[in-house]
Protein backbone atom coordinates (compact mmCIF):
# COMPACT_ATOMS: atom_id res chain seq x y z
CA MET A 1 12.33 -4.12 -20.12
CA VAL A 2 9.63 -5.90 -22.09
CA ASN A 3 7.69 -3.72 -24.52
CA LEU A 4 4.23 -5.04 -25.31
CA SER A 5 2.41 -4.13 -28.52
CA ASN A 6 -1.23 -3.02 -28.29
CA LYS A 7 -2.33 -6.50 -29.32
CA ALA A 8 -0.39 -8.06 -26.51
CA ARG A 9 -1.79 -5.73 -23.79
CA LYS A 10 -3.68 -7.77 -21.17
CA PHE A 11 -5.77 -6.93 -18.24
CA PHE A 12 -4.20 -7.91 -14.90
CA PRO A 13 -6.93 -8.47 -12.32
CA SER A 14 -4.42 -8.17 -9.50
CA LEU A 15 -4.56 -4.36 -9.54
CA PRO A 16 -8.31 -3.85 -9.04
CA LEU A 17 -8.28 -6.68 -6.51
CA ALA A 18 -5.41 -5.04 -4.70
CA ALA A 19 -7.33 -1.78 -4.57
CA GLY A 20 -10.32 -3.48 -3.05
CA LEU A 21 -8.27 -5.36 -0.48
CA GLY A 22 -6.41 -2.11 0.32
CA ILE A 23 -9.67 -0.28 0.94
CA ALA A 24 -10.93 -3.09 3.18
CA GLU A 25 -7.66 -3.03 5.08
CA ALA A 26 -7.91 0.75 5.53
CA VAL A 27 -11.38 0.46 6.94
CA VAL A 28 -10.36 -2.28 9.35
CA LEU A 29 -7.28 -0.38 10.42
CA SER A 30 -8.99 2.94 10.97
CA VAL A 31 -12.24 1.65 12.57
CA GLY A 32 -10.48 -0.94 14.70
CA SER A 33 -7.40 1.00 15.85
CA GLY A 34 -8.39 0.85 19.53
CA PHE A 35 -9.05 -2.89 19.30
CA LEU A 36 -5.76 -3.50 17.53
CA MET A 37 -3.92 -1.55 20.19
CA ASN A 38 -5.48 -3.85 22.80
CA ILE A 39 -4.41 -6.92 20.81
CA MET A 40 -0.86 -5.57 20.60
CA GLY A 41 -0.91 -5.18 24.43
CA LEU A 42 -0.76 -1.42 24.63
CA PRO A 43 -2.49 -0.52 27.87
CA MET A 44 -5.31 2.04 27.92
CA ASP A 45 -3.45 4.23 30.44
CA SER A 46 -0.23 4.24 28.49
CA SER A 47 1.09 7.60 27.41
CA MET A 48 1.77 6.02 24.00
CA ARG A 49 -1.82 4.93 23.49
CA GLY A 50 -3.14 8.22 22.04
CA PRO A 51 -0.26 8.79 19.63
CA ALA A 52 -0.24 5.17 18.60
CA GLU A 53 -3.95 5.19 17.74
CA GLN A 54 -3.54 8.53 16.01
CA PHE A 55 -0.66 7.12 13.89
CA LEU A 56 -2.56 3.97 13.01
CA THR A 57 -5.71 5.87 12.08
CA TRP A 58 -3.86 8.19 9.74
CA ARG A 59 -1.61 5.41 8.45
CA ALA A 60 -4.71 3.35 7.50
CA PHE A 61 -5.27 5.79 4.57
CA GLY A 62 -2.07 4.50 3.16
CA ALA A 63 -3.19 0.81 2.98
CA PRO A 64 -4.72 1.02 -0.57
CA PRO A 65 -1.55 2.39 -2.27
CA VAL A 66 0.69 -0.06 -0.41
CA VAL A 67 -1.30 -3.09 -1.57
CA ILE A 68 -1.60 -1.67 -5.10
CA ALA A 69 2.09 -0.95 -5.22
CA LEU A 70 2.84 -4.57 -4.13
CA ALA A 71 0.67 -5.88 -7.00
CA ALA A 72 2.25 -3.47 -9.47
CA GLN A 73 5.75 -4.43 -8.37
CA GLY A 74 4.85 -8.09 -9.02
CA THR A 75 3.64 -7.19 -12.48
CA PHE A 76 6.88 -5.29 -13.18
CA ARG A 77 8.87 -8.31 -12.03
CA GLY A 78 6.87 -10.41 -14.52
CA PHE A 79 8.08 -8.08 -17.19
CA LYS A 80 11.66 -8.43 -15.87
CA ASP A 81 11.66 -4.72 -14.97
CA THR A 82 12.97 -4.22 -11.43
CA LYS A 83 14.28 -0.67 -12.11
CA THR A 84 10.97 1.08 -12.33
CA PRO A 85 9.81 -0.10 -8.86
CA LEU A 86 13.25 0.78 -7.46
CA TYR A 87 13.04 4.36 -8.81
CA ALA A 88 9.43 4.78 -7.68
CA ILE A 89 10.28 3.60 -4.13
CA GLY A 90 13.32 5.80 -4.11
CA ALA A 91 11.23 8.84 -5.08
CA GLY A 92 8.65 7.98 -2.41
CA THR A 93 11.32 7.52 0.29
CA LEU A 94 12.91 10.89 -0.55
CA LEU A 95 9.56 12.57 -0.43
CA ASN A 96 8.75 10.92 2.88
CA ALA A 97 12.06 12.04 4.40
CA ILE A 98 11.48 15.61 3.28
CA LEU A 99 7.80 15.71 4.46
CA ASP A 100 8.76 14.11 7.79
CA VAL A 101 11.10 16.95 8.56
CA ILE A 102 8.62 19.56 7.44
CA LEU A 103 5.47 18.11 9.08
CA ILE A 104 6.99 16.95 12.35
CA PHE A 105 9.24 19.89 13.27
CA PRO A 106 8.16 23.27 11.74
CA PHE A 107 4.47 22.44 11.59
CA GLY A 108 4.57 20.50 14.87
CA PHE A 109 2.25 17.70 13.80
CA GLY A 110 4.34 15.08 15.60
CA VAL A 111 3.32 11.46 15.15
CA GLY A 112 0.36 12.44 12.92
CA GLY A 113 2.76 14.33 10.69
CA ALA A 114 4.94 11.29 10.30
CA ALA A 115 1.95 9.15 9.34
CA VAL A 116 0.66 11.76 6.86
CA ALA A 117 4.11 12.06 5.31
CA THR A 118 4.30 8.27 4.94
CA VAL A 119 0.81 8.05 3.39
CA ILE A 120 1.61 10.81 0.88
CA SER A 121 4.81 9.04 -0.14
CA GLU A 122 2.90 5.76 -0.53
CA TYR A 123 0.45 7.39 -2.85
CA LEU A 124 3.33 8.85 -4.83
CA ILE A 125 4.89 5.37 -5.25
CA ALA A 126 1.59 3.81 -6.30
CA ILE A 127 0.89 6.68 -8.83
CA ILE A 128 4.33 6.33 -10.39
CA LEU A 129 4.00 2.61 -10.70
CA LEU A 130 0.50 2.80 -12.18
CA TRP A 131 1.52 5.52 -14.53
CA GLU A 132 4.41 3.48 -15.89
CA LEU A 133 2.33 0.30 -15.89
CA ASN A 134 -0.46 1.98 -17.88
CA GLY A 135 1.67 1.79 -21.06
CA LYS A 136 2.16 -1.96 -20.66
CA VAL A 137 -1.19 -3.39 -19.48
CA GLU A 138 -4.85 -2.51 -19.31
CA LEU A 139 -5.44 -1.20 -15.83
CA ILE A 140 -9.21 -1.32 -16.09
CA SER A 141 -10.95 -3.93 -18.16
CA PRO A 142 -14.04 -2.97 -20.11
CA LYS A 143 -15.25 -6.56 -19.81
CA ILE A 144 -14.85 -8.76 -16.76
CA ASP A 145 -15.15 -12.56 -17.04
CA TRP A 146 -16.23 -13.51 -13.46
CA SER A 147 -15.30 -17.17 -14.02
CA LYS A 148 -11.70 -16.17 -14.59
CA VAL A 149 -11.81 -13.80 -11.56
CA SER A 150 -12.95 -16.63 -9.36
CA LEU A 151 -10.20 -18.89 -10.79
CA TYR A 152 -7.67 -16.12 -10.11
CA LEU A 153 -8.90 -15.73 -6.52
CA LYS A 154 -8.75 -19.43 -6.01
CA SER A 155 -5.25 -19.86 -7.31
CA GLY A 156 -3.85 -16.61 -5.92
CA GLY A 157 -5.42 -16.77 -2.48
CA LEU A 158 -2.17 -17.74 -0.69
CA LEU A 159 -0.26 -15.00 -2.47
CA ILE A 160 -2.84 -12.45 -1.53
CA GLY A 161 -2.65 -13.58 2.11
CA ARG A 162 1.16 -13.26 1.99
CA ASN A 163 1.00 -9.76 0.57
CA ASN A 164 -1.58 -8.67 3.15
CA SER A 165 0.51 -10.16 5.94
CA HIS A 166 3.52 -8.09 4.73
CA SER A 167 1.42 -4.95 4.71
CA TRP A 168 0.00 -5.81 8.18
CA ASN A 169 3.57 -6.38 9.49
CA SER A 170 4.68 -3.04 8.08
CA HIS A 171 1.84 -1.29 9.92
CA THR A 172 2.56 -3.13 13.18
CA CYS A 173 6.31 -2.37 13.00
CA ASN A 174 5.60 1.28 12.32
CA ILE A 175 3.29 1.45 15.36
CA THR A 176 5.53 -0.39 17.73
CA GLY A 177 8.71 1.16 16.51
CA SER A 178 10.34 -2.17 15.70
């Protein structure tokens, strides 16, 4: 694990950018859930339509922490630290499994309970990663150089697209059960 001194601490614009993209993705997924079901070919009269839309709508709230966690994991990889993301994901997965059992069966929330359990676990993962990353980098910059942000967006556009496609695929697989 690389330990940075206070002088070496840098601001990584990927994290605020990931938060913005995650919020945009959440809005699109929650507002456009019906439209997305149509694109995926789920008929309006299907018995799965209601639960699928409910799952997607609840699951949309998990988009910001998923995209933030992806950016944070990349930062940790840059520091040659793969254990911290592994432990964070392990904790989130354990919490998800416990909450699934509680919310689906005793509380009877069904598909919505599964989605809520997943979202809560995704926020836990993001919080753990940001908590650990806070000691290594500046999470929020007091001064933003917009010329560098535009350069970052230009050079990182393909990577951003790849990360969003991974997030989109995750949502789609969760909905369709693949």
